């Protein structure tokens, strides 16, 4: 089994390449950004509530991503693999979207913390569909 204790350093493109270390790293980064806001505001203030809500959403997305990573590792041939990869991708996107608010902060990992496709096959299909739509649009535009 591959080492998942530290995130890889190459750019991330697909959900199938995510590791638990990736999820833990972005979650820790977000916790570091959010925690001061939870304590800096007076109890019950709008700022504190917003920080606590964001913290809860981050925990939920990270837990869902971790669960999907475990399920994909334990049952690689599961008939629900595509659905599990999609759930993993969506959870990862939620974490990345939140982290991008601090993209200019030291510790933000631009190479790993980015939007991903579920897997290379679904990415290829999406690219073919986009290319087909563009071709149809350009053909329609030239007939007018």
N, C-alpha and C. Protein backbone atom coordinates (compact mmCIF):
# COMPACT_ATOMS: atom_id res chain seq x y z
N UNK A 1 0.84 -1.18 0.00
CA UNK A 1 0.00 0.00 0.00
C UNK A 1 0.88 1.24 0.00
N UNK A 2 0.46 2.28 -0.71
CA UNK A 2 1.24 3.51 -0.82
C UNK A 2 1.24 4.27 0.50
N UNK A 3 2.33 5.01 0.71
CA UNK A 3 2.43 5.86 1.90
C UNK A 3 1.49 7.03 1.75
N UNK A 4 0.58 7.20 2.69
CA UNK A 4 -0.37 8.32 2.63
C UNK A 4 -0.19 9.26 3.80
N UNK A 5 0.95 9.19 4.47
CA UNK A 5 1.17 10.04 5.65
C UNK A 5 1.53 11.47 5.27
N UNK A 6 2.12 11.67 4.12
CA UNK A 6 2.42 13.02 3.65
C UNK A 6 1.88 13.18 2.24
N UNK A 7 1.34 14.35 1.92
CA UNK A 7 0.78 14.53 0.58
C UNK A 7 1.87 14.52 -0.48
N UNK A 8 1.57 13.96 -1.65
CA UNK A 8 2.53 14.04 -2.74
C UNK A 8 2.75 15.50 -3.13
N UNK A 9 3.79 15.76 -3.90
CA UNK A 9 4.09 17.15 -4.27
C UNK A 9 3.72 17.49 -5.70
N UNK A 10 3.45 16.48 -6.53
CA UNK A 10 3.12 16.78 -7.92
C UNK A 10 1.72 17.41 -8.00
N UNK A 11 1.45 18.14 -9.07
CA UNK A 11 0.12 18.75 -9.21
C UNK A 11 -0.97 17.68 -9.19
N UNK A 12 -2.08 18.01 -8.60
CA UNK A 12 -3.20 17.08 -8.50
C UNK A 12 -4.18 17.35 -9.65
N UNK A 13 -4.62 16.28 -10.31
CA UNK A 13 -5.56 16.41 -11.41
C UNK A 13 -6.83 15.59 -11.22
N UNK A 14 -6.73 14.45 -10.53
CA UNK A 14 -7.85 13.52 -10.44
C UNK A 14 -8.12 13.11 -8.99
N UNK A 15 -9.40 12.88 -8.71
CA UNK A 15 -9.80 12.45 -7.37
C UNK A 15 -9.15 11.11 -7.03
N UNK A 16 -8.92 10.28 -8.04
CA UNK A 16 -8.31 8.97 -7.77
C UNK A 16 -6.89 9.12 -7.22
N UNK A 17 -6.29 10.28 -7.37
CA UNK A 17 -4.94 10.51 -6.87
C UNK A 17 -4.89 11.16 -5.49
N UNK A 18 -6.05 11.50 -4.95
CA UNK A 18 -6.10 12.10 -3.62
C UNK A 18 -5.66 11.11 -2.56
N UNK A 19 -5.05 11.62 -1.50
CA UNK A 19 -4.67 10.80 -0.37
C UNK A 19 -5.30 11.37 0.90
N UNK A 20 -5.30 10.56 1.95
CA UNK A 20 -5.79 11.07 3.22
C UNK A 20 -4.90 12.21 3.71
N UNK A 21 -3.63 12.17 3.37
CA UNK A 21 -2.73 13.26 3.76
C UNK A 21 -3.13 14.56 3.09
N UNK A 22 -3.62 14.50 1.85
CA UNK A 22 -4.12 15.71 1.18
C UNK A 22 -5.29 16.31 1.95
N UNK A 23 -6.24 15.46 2.30
CA UNK A 23 -7.42 15.92 3.02
C UNK A 23 -7.02 16.49 4.38
N UNK A 24 -6.15 15.79 5.09
CA UNK A 24 -5.71 16.26 6.40
C UNK A 24 -4.96 17.58 6.30
N UNK A 25 -4.17 17.74 5.24
CA UNK A 25 -3.39 18.97 5.08
C UNK A 25 -4.29 20.18 4.83
N UNK A 26 -5.25 20.05 3.93
CA UNK A 26 -6.13 21.19 3.65
C UNK A 26 -7.03 21.47 4.85
N UNK A 27 -7.46 20.42 5.54
CA UNK A 27 -8.28 20.62 6.74
C UNK A 27 -7.48 21.36 7.82
N UNK A 28 -6.24 20.95 8.04
CA UNK A 28 -5.40 21.62 9.04
C UNK A 28 -5.16 23.08 8.66
N UNK A 29 -4.91 23.33 7.38
CA UNK A 29 -4.71 24.71 6.91
C UNK A 29 -5.96 25.54 7.19
N UNK A 30 -7.11 25.01 6.86
CA UNK A 30 -8.36 25.74 7.09
C UNK A 30 -8.62 25.96 8.57
N UNK A 31 -8.35 24.95 9.37
CA UNK A 31 -8.52 25.09 10.83
C UNK A 31 -7.65 26.23 11.36
N UNK A 32 -6.42 26.30 10.84
CA UNK A 32 -5.49 27.36 11.26
C UNK A 32 -6.02 28.75 10.89
N UNK A 33 -6.72 28.84 9.77
CA UNK A 33 -7.26 30.13 9.34
C UNK A 33 -8.54 30.49 10.10
N UNK A 34 -9.35 29.49 10.40
CA UNK A 34 -10.67 29.73 11.00
C UNK A 34 -10.62 29.88 12.52
N UNK A 35 -9.76 29.12 13.17
CA UNK A 35 -9.73 29.11 14.64
C UNK A 35 -9.61 30.49 15.27
N UNK A 36 -8.73 31.37 14.78
CA UNK A 36 -8.65 32.69 15.41
C UNK A 36 -9.96 33.48 15.34
N UNK A 37 -10.72 33.27 14.27
CA UNK A 37 -11.99 33.99 14.14
C UNK A 37 -13.02 33.49 15.13
N UNK A 38 -12.93 32.21 15.49
CA UNK A 38 -13.88 31.66 16.45
C UNK A 38 -13.66 32.24 17.83
N UNK A 39 -12.41 32.52 18.17
CA UNK A 39 -12.10 33.02 19.50
C UNK A 39 -11.98 34.53 19.59
N UNK A 40 -11.72 35.21 18.47
CA UNK A 40 -11.52 36.66 18.49
C UNK A 40 -12.80 37.45 18.68
N UNK A 41 -13.91 36.89 18.28
CA UNK A 41 -15.17 37.62 18.35
C UNK A 41 -15.88 37.29 19.66
N UNK A 42 -16.77 38.18 20.04
CA UNK A 42 -17.52 37.93 21.26
C UNK A 42 -18.49 36.78 21.03
N UNK A 43 -18.78 36.06 22.10
CA UNK A 43 -19.62 34.89 22.01
C UNK A 43 -20.96 35.23 21.37
N UNK A 44 -21.34 34.47 20.35
CA UNK A 44 -22.61 34.67 19.69
C UNK A 44 -22.62 35.76 18.64
N UNK A 45 -21.47 36.39 18.40
CA UNK A 45 -21.42 37.46 17.39
C UNK A 45 -21.59 36.85 16.00
N UNK A 46 -22.01 37.65 15.03
CA UNK A 46 -22.14 37.13 13.66
C UNK A 46 -20.82 36.55 13.12
N UNK A 47 -19.70 37.18 13.47
CA UNK A 47 -18.40 36.70 12.99
C UNK A 47 -18.08 35.32 13.57
N UNK A 48 -18.32 35.18 14.89
CA UNK A 48 -18.04 33.91 15.53
C UNK A 48 -18.95 32.81 14.98
N UNK A 49 -20.21 33.14 14.77
CA UNK A 49 -21.14 32.16 14.22
C UNK A 49 -20.72 31.75 12.81
N UNK A 50 -20.30 32.71 12.01
CA UNK A 50 -19.86 32.40 10.65
C UNK A 50 -18.62 31.50 10.68
N UNK A 51 -17.68 31.79 11.56
CA UNK A 51 -16.47 30.98 11.68
C UNK A 51 -16.82 29.57 12.15
N UNK A 52 -17.73 29.46 13.11
CA UNK A 52 -18.13 28.14 13.59
C UNK A 52 -18.87 27.35 12.51
N UNK A 53 -19.69 28.04 11.73
CA UNK A 53 -20.40 27.37 10.64
C UNK A 53 -19.42 26.86 9.59
N UNK A 54 -18.45 27.70 9.22
CA UNK A 54 -17.44 27.29 8.25
C UNK A 54 -16.63 26.11 8.79
N UNK A 55 -16.28 26.17 10.04
CA UNK A 55 -15.54 25.08 10.67
C UNK A 55 -16.32 23.77 10.60
N UNK A 56 -17.62 23.83 10.83
CA UNK A 56 -18.47 22.65 10.76
C UNK A 56 -18.53 22.10 9.34
N UNK A 57 -18.66 22.98 8.36
CA UNK A 57 -18.69 22.55 6.97
C UNK A 57 -17.38 21.89 6.55
N UNK A 58 -16.27 22.44 7.02
CA UNK A 58 -14.96 21.86 6.71
C UNK A 58 -14.84 20.48 7.33
N UNK A 59 -15.23 20.33 8.59
CA UNK A 59 -15.18 19.01 9.25
C UNK A 59 -16.02 17.98 8.49
N UNK A 60 -17.22 18.39 8.06
CA UNK A 60 -18.11 17.48 7.36
C UNK A 60 -17.52 17.07 6.01
N UNK A 61 -17.01 18.03 5.25
CA UNK A 61 -16.43 17.72 3.94
C UNK A 61 -15.20 16.83 4.10
N UNK A 62 -14.38 17.10 5.09
CA UNK A 62 -13.18 16.29 5.32
C UNK A 62 -13.56 14.88 5.75
N UNK A 63 -14.55 14.75 6.62
CA UNK A 63 -14.98 13.42 7.07
C UNK A 63 -15.56 12.62 5.91
N UNK A 64 -16.33 13.28 5.05
CA UNK A 64 -16.90 12.59 3.89
C UNK A 64 -15.79 12.15 2.93
N UNK A 65 -14.81 13.03 2.70
CA UNK A 65 -13.68 12.68 1.82
C UNK A 65 -12.90 11.51 2.41
N UNK A 66 -12.62 11.55 3.70
CA UNK A 66 -11.91 10.44 4.35
C UNK A 66 -12.68 9.13 4.21
N UNK A 67 -13.99 9.19 4.42
CA UNK A 67 -14.80 7.98 4.30
C UNK A 67 -14.76 7.42 2.89
N UNK A 68 -14.82 8.29 1.89
CA UNK A 68 -14.78 7.82 0.51
C UNK A 68 -13.40 7.25 0.17
N UNK A 69 -12.34 7.87 0.67
CA UNK A 69 -10.99 7.34 0.42
C UNK A 69 -10.86 5.94 1.02
N UNK A 70 -11.36 5.76 2.22
CA UNK A 70 -11.30 4.44 2.86
C UNK A 70 -12.12 3.42 2.08
N UNK A 71 -13.32 3.81 1.67
CA UNK A 71 -14.18 2.90 0.92
C UNK A 71 -13.53 2.51 -0.41
N UNK A 72 -12.96 3.48 -1.10
CA UNK A 72 -12.30 3.20 -2.38
C UNK A 72 -11.09 2.28 -2.20
N UNK A 73 -10.37 2.45 -1.10
CA UNK A 73 -9.21 1.59 -0.83
C UNK A 73 -9.63 0.18 -0.44
N UNK A 74 -10.68 0.06 0.37
CA UNK A 74 -11.13 -1.24 0.84
C UNK A 74 -11.86 -2.04 -0.23
N UNK A 75 -12.59 -1.34 -1.09
CA UNK A 75 -13.41 -2.00 -2.10
C UNK A 75 -13.14 -1.38 -3.48
N UNK A 76 -11.95 -1.64 -4.03
CA UNK A 76 -11.57 -1.00 -5.30
C UNK A 76 -12.45 -1.40 -6.48
N UNK A 77 -13.11 -2.55 -6.40
CA UNK A 77 -13.95 -3.02 -7.50
C UNK A 77 -15.45 -2.87 -7.21
N UNK A 78 -15.77 -2.06 -6.23
CA UNK A 78 -17.17 -1.83 -5.85
C UNK A 78 -17.95 -1.31 -7.06
N UNK A 79 -19.16 -1.81 -7.23
CA UNK A 79 -19.97 -1.36 -8.36
C UNK A 79 -20.38 0.10 -8.23
N UNK A 80 -20.20 0.68 -7.05
CA UNK A 80 -20.52 2.09 -6.83
C UNK A 80 -19.27 2.98 -6.90
N UNK A 81 -18.20 2.45 -7.46
CA UNK A 81 -16.93 3.18 -7.51
C UNK A 81 -17.09 4.57 -8.14
N UNK A 82 -17.79 4.67 -9.24
CA UNK A 82 -17.96 5.97 -9.90
C UNK A 82 -18.69 6.96 -8.98
N UNK A 83 -19.72 6.48 -8.29
CA UNK A 83 -20.44 7.35 -7.35
C UNK A 83 -19.54 7.77 -6.19
N UNK A 84 -18.74 6.82 -5.69
CA UNK A 84 -17.83 7.12 -4.58
C UNK A 84 -16.78 8.15 -5.01
N UNK A 85 -16.27 7.99 -6.22
CA UNK A 85 -15.30 8.97 -6.73
C UNK A 85 -15.94 10.34 -6.89
N UNK A 86 -17.17 10.37 -7.33
CA UNK A 86 -17.88 11.65 -7.49
C UNK A 86 -18.10 12.30 -6.12
N UNK A 87 -18.47 11.52 -5.13
CA UNK A 87 -18.65 12.06 -3.77
C UNK A 87 -17.32 12.57 -3.22
N UNK A 88 -16.26 11.82 -3.45
CA UNK A 88 -14.93 12.26 -3.04
C UNK A 88 -14.57 13.57 -3.73
N UNK A 89 -14.80 13.65 -5.02
CA UNK A 89 -14.49 14.86 -5.78
C UNK A 89 -15.27 16.06 -5.24
N UNK A 90 -16.54 15.87 -4.99
CA UNK A 90 -17.38 16.97 -4.48
C UNK A 90 -16.91 17.43 -3.09
N UNK A 91 -16.56 16.48 -2.23
CA UNK A 91 -16.07 16.84 -0.90
C UNK A 91 -14.76 17.60 -1.01
N UNK A 92 -13.88 17.13 -1.87
CA UNK A 92 -12.60 17.80 -2.08
C UNK A 92 -12.83 19.21 -2.62
N UNK A 93 -13.75 19.35 -3.58
CA UNK A 93 -14.03 20.68 -4.14
C UNK A 93 -14.49 21.64 -3.04
N UNK A 94 -15.30 21.17 -2.13
CA UNK A 94 -15.77 22.03 -1.03
C UNK A 94 -14.60 22.52 -0.20
N UNK A 95 -13.67 21.62 0.11
CA UNK A 95 -12.49 22.01 0.89
C UNK A 95 -11.62 23.00 0.12
N UNK A 96 -11.41 22.72 -1.16
CA UNK A 96 -10.56 23.59 -1.97
C UNK A 96 -11.19 24.97 -2.13
N UNK A 97 -12.50 25.01 -2.37
CA UNK A 97 -13.17 26.31 -2.52
C UNK A 97 -13.02 27.15 -1.26
N UNK A 98 -13.13 26.53 -0.10
CA UNK A 98 -12.95 27.27 1.15
C UNK A 98 -11.50 27.72 1.29
N UNK A 99 -10.56 26.85 1.00
CA UNK A 99 -9.13 27.18 1.16
C UNK A 99 -8.70 28.28 0.19
N UNK A 100 -9.30 28.34 -0.99
CA UNK A 100 -8.91 29.35 -1.98
C UNK A 100 -9.10 30.78 -1.48
N UNK A 101 -9.94 30.96 -0.49
CA UNK A 101 -10.11 32.30 0.09
C UNK A 101 -8.82 32.77 0.75
N UNK A 102 -7.93 31.84 1.07
CA UNK A 102 -6.64 32.16 1.69
C UNK A 102 -5.49 31.78 0.77
N UNK A 103 -5.70 31.84 -0.54
CA UNK A 103 -4.69 31.42 -1.51
C UNK A 103 -3.40 32.24 -1.41
N UNK A 104 -3.49 33.45 -0.89
CA UNK A 104 -2.31 34.31 -0.76
C UNK A 104 -1.62 34.14 0.60
N UNK A 105 -2.07 33.17 1.37
CA UNK A 105 -1.54 32.93 2.71
C UNK A 105 -0.43 31.88 2.65
N UNK A 106 0.68 32.11 3.38
CA UNK A 106 1.72 31.07 3.43
C UNK A 106 1.12 29.75 3.89
N UNK A 107 1.54 28.70 3.21
CA UNK A 107 1.03 27.37 3.53
C UNK A 107 -0.01 26.87 2.56
N UNK A 108 -0.57 27.76 1.75
CA UNK A 108 -1.54 27.33 0.75
C UNK A 108 -0.80 26.58 -0.35
N UNK A 109 -1.24 25.38 -0.67
CA UNK A 109 -0.57 24.51 -1.63
C UNK A 109 -1.25 24.58 -2.99
N UNK A 110 -0.76 25.47 -3.85
CA UNK A 110 -1.36 25.67 -5.17
C UNK A 110 -1.26 24.44 -6.06
N UNK A 111 -0.25 23.63 -5.85
CA UNK A 111 -0.05 22.46 -6.72
C UNK A 111 -1.03 21.34 -6.41
N UNK A 112 -1.45 21.20 -5.18
CA UNK A 112 -2.33 20.11 -4.79
C UNK A 112 -3.77 20.56 -4.57
N UNK A 113 -3.97 21.73 -4.02
CA UNK A 113 -5.31 22.15 -3.63
C UNK A 113 -5.97 22.85 -4.80
N UNK A 114 -6.53 22.05 -5.68
CA UNK A 114 -7.14 22.55 -6.90
C UNK A 114 -8.31 21.65 -7.26
N UNK A 115 -9.16 22.14 -8.16
CA UNK A 115 -10.28 21.33 -8.63
C UNK A 115 -9.76 20.11 -9.36
N UNK A 116 -10.48 19.01 -9.23
CA UNK A 116 -10.06 17.77 -9.85
C UNK A 116 -11.22 17.15 -10.61
N UNK A 117 -10.87 16.27 -11.54
CA UNK A 117 -11.85 15.42 -12.20
C UNK A 117 -11.93 14.14 -11.38
N UNK A 118 -13.01 13.39 -11.55
CA UNK A 118 -13.15 12.15 -10.80
C UNK A 118 -12.04 11.17 -11.16
N UNK A 119 -11.81 11.00 -12.45
CA UNK A 119 -10.74 10.10 -12.90
C UNK A 119 -10.39 10.45 -14.35
N UNK A 120 -9.31 9.90 -14.87
CA UNK A 120 -8.90 10.24 -16.24
C UNK A 120 -9.96 9.92 -17.30
N UNK A 121 -10.69 8.83 -17.13
CA UNK A 121 -11.70 8.46 -18.13
C UNK A 121 -12.84 9.48 -18.17
N UNK A 122 -13.31 9.91 -17.01
CA UNK A 122 -14.40 10.89 -17.00
C UNK A 122 -13.90 12.24 -17.50
N UNK A 123 -12.64 12.57 -17.24
CA UNK A 123 -12.07 13.82 -17.75
C UNK A 123 -12.00 13.78 -19.27
N UNK A 124 -11.58 12.65 -19.82
CA UNK A 124 -11.49 12.52 -21.28
C UNK A 124 -12.87 12.65 -21.91
N UNK A 125 -13.86 12.03 -21.30
CA UNK A 125 -15.22 12.13 -21.81
C UNK A 125 -15.71 13.57 -21.79
N UNK A 126 -15.48 14.26 -20.66
CA UNK A 126 -15.90 15.65 -20.56
C UNK A 126 -15.21 16.52 -21.60
N UNK A 127 -13.91 16.30 -21.81
CA UNK A 127 -13.17 17.08 -22.81
C UNK A 127 -13.71 16.82 -24.22
N UNK A 128 -14.06 15.57 -24.51
CA UNK A 128 -14.64 15.26 -25.83
C UNK A 128 -15.98 15.95 -26.00
N UNK A 129 -16.81 15.96 -24.95
CA UNK A 129 -18.11 16.62 -25.04
C UNK A 129 -17.97 18.12 -25.24
N UNK A 130 -17.04 18.72 -24.53
CA UNK A 130 -16.81 20.16 -24.67
C UNK A 130 -16.31 20.47 -26.08
N UNK A 131 -15.39 19.65 -26.58
CA UNK A 131 -14.88 19.86 -27.94
C UNK A 131 -15.99 19.72 -28.97
N UNK A 132 -16.87 18.74 -28.78
CA UNK A 132 -17.99 18.54 -29.69
C UNK A 132 -18.93 19.75 -29.66
N UNK A 133 -19.22 20.26 -28.45
CA UNK A 133 -20.09 21.43 -28.32
C UNK A 133 -19.47 22.65 -28.99
N UNK A 134 -18.17 22.83 -28.82
CA UNK A 134 -17.49 23.96 -29.46
C UNK A 134 -17.54 23.83 -30.98
N UNK A 135 -17.33 22.62 -31.47
CA UNK A 135 -17.38 22.40 -32.91
C UNK A 135 -18.76 22.68 -33.46
N UNK A 136 -19.78 22.22 -32.75
CA UNK A 136 -21.16 22.48 -33.18
C UNK A 136 -21.49 23.96 -33.14
N UNK A 137 -21.01 24.64 -32.12
CA UNK A 137 -21.26 26.08 -32.00
C UNK A 137 -20.57 26.84 -33.11
N UNK A 138 -19.33 26.48 -33.42
CA UNK A 138 -18.60 27.18 -34.49
C UNK A 138 -19.21 26.89 -35.85
N UNK A 139 -19.74 25.68 -36.06
CA UNK A 139 -20.40 25.34 -37.31
C UNK A 139 -21.71 26.11 -37.44
N UNK A 140 -22.45 26.18 -36.37
CA UNK A 140 -23.72 26.93 -36.37
C UNK A 140 -23.47 28.41 -36.60
N UNK A 141 -22.40 28.92 -36.03
CA UNK A 141 -22.08 30.35 -36.16
C UNK A 141 -21.64 30.72 -37.57
N UNK A 142 -21.05 29.81 -38.29
CA UNK A 142 -20.57 30.12 -39.64
C UNK A 142 -21.67 29.98 -40.69
N UNK A 143 -22.77 29.30 -40.36
CA UNK A 143 -23.87 29.13 -41.31
C UNK A 143 -24.76 30.37 -41.37
N UNK A 144 -24.71 31.21 -40.39
CA UNK A 144 -25.62 32.36 -40.32
C UNK A 144 -25.26 33.43 -41.29
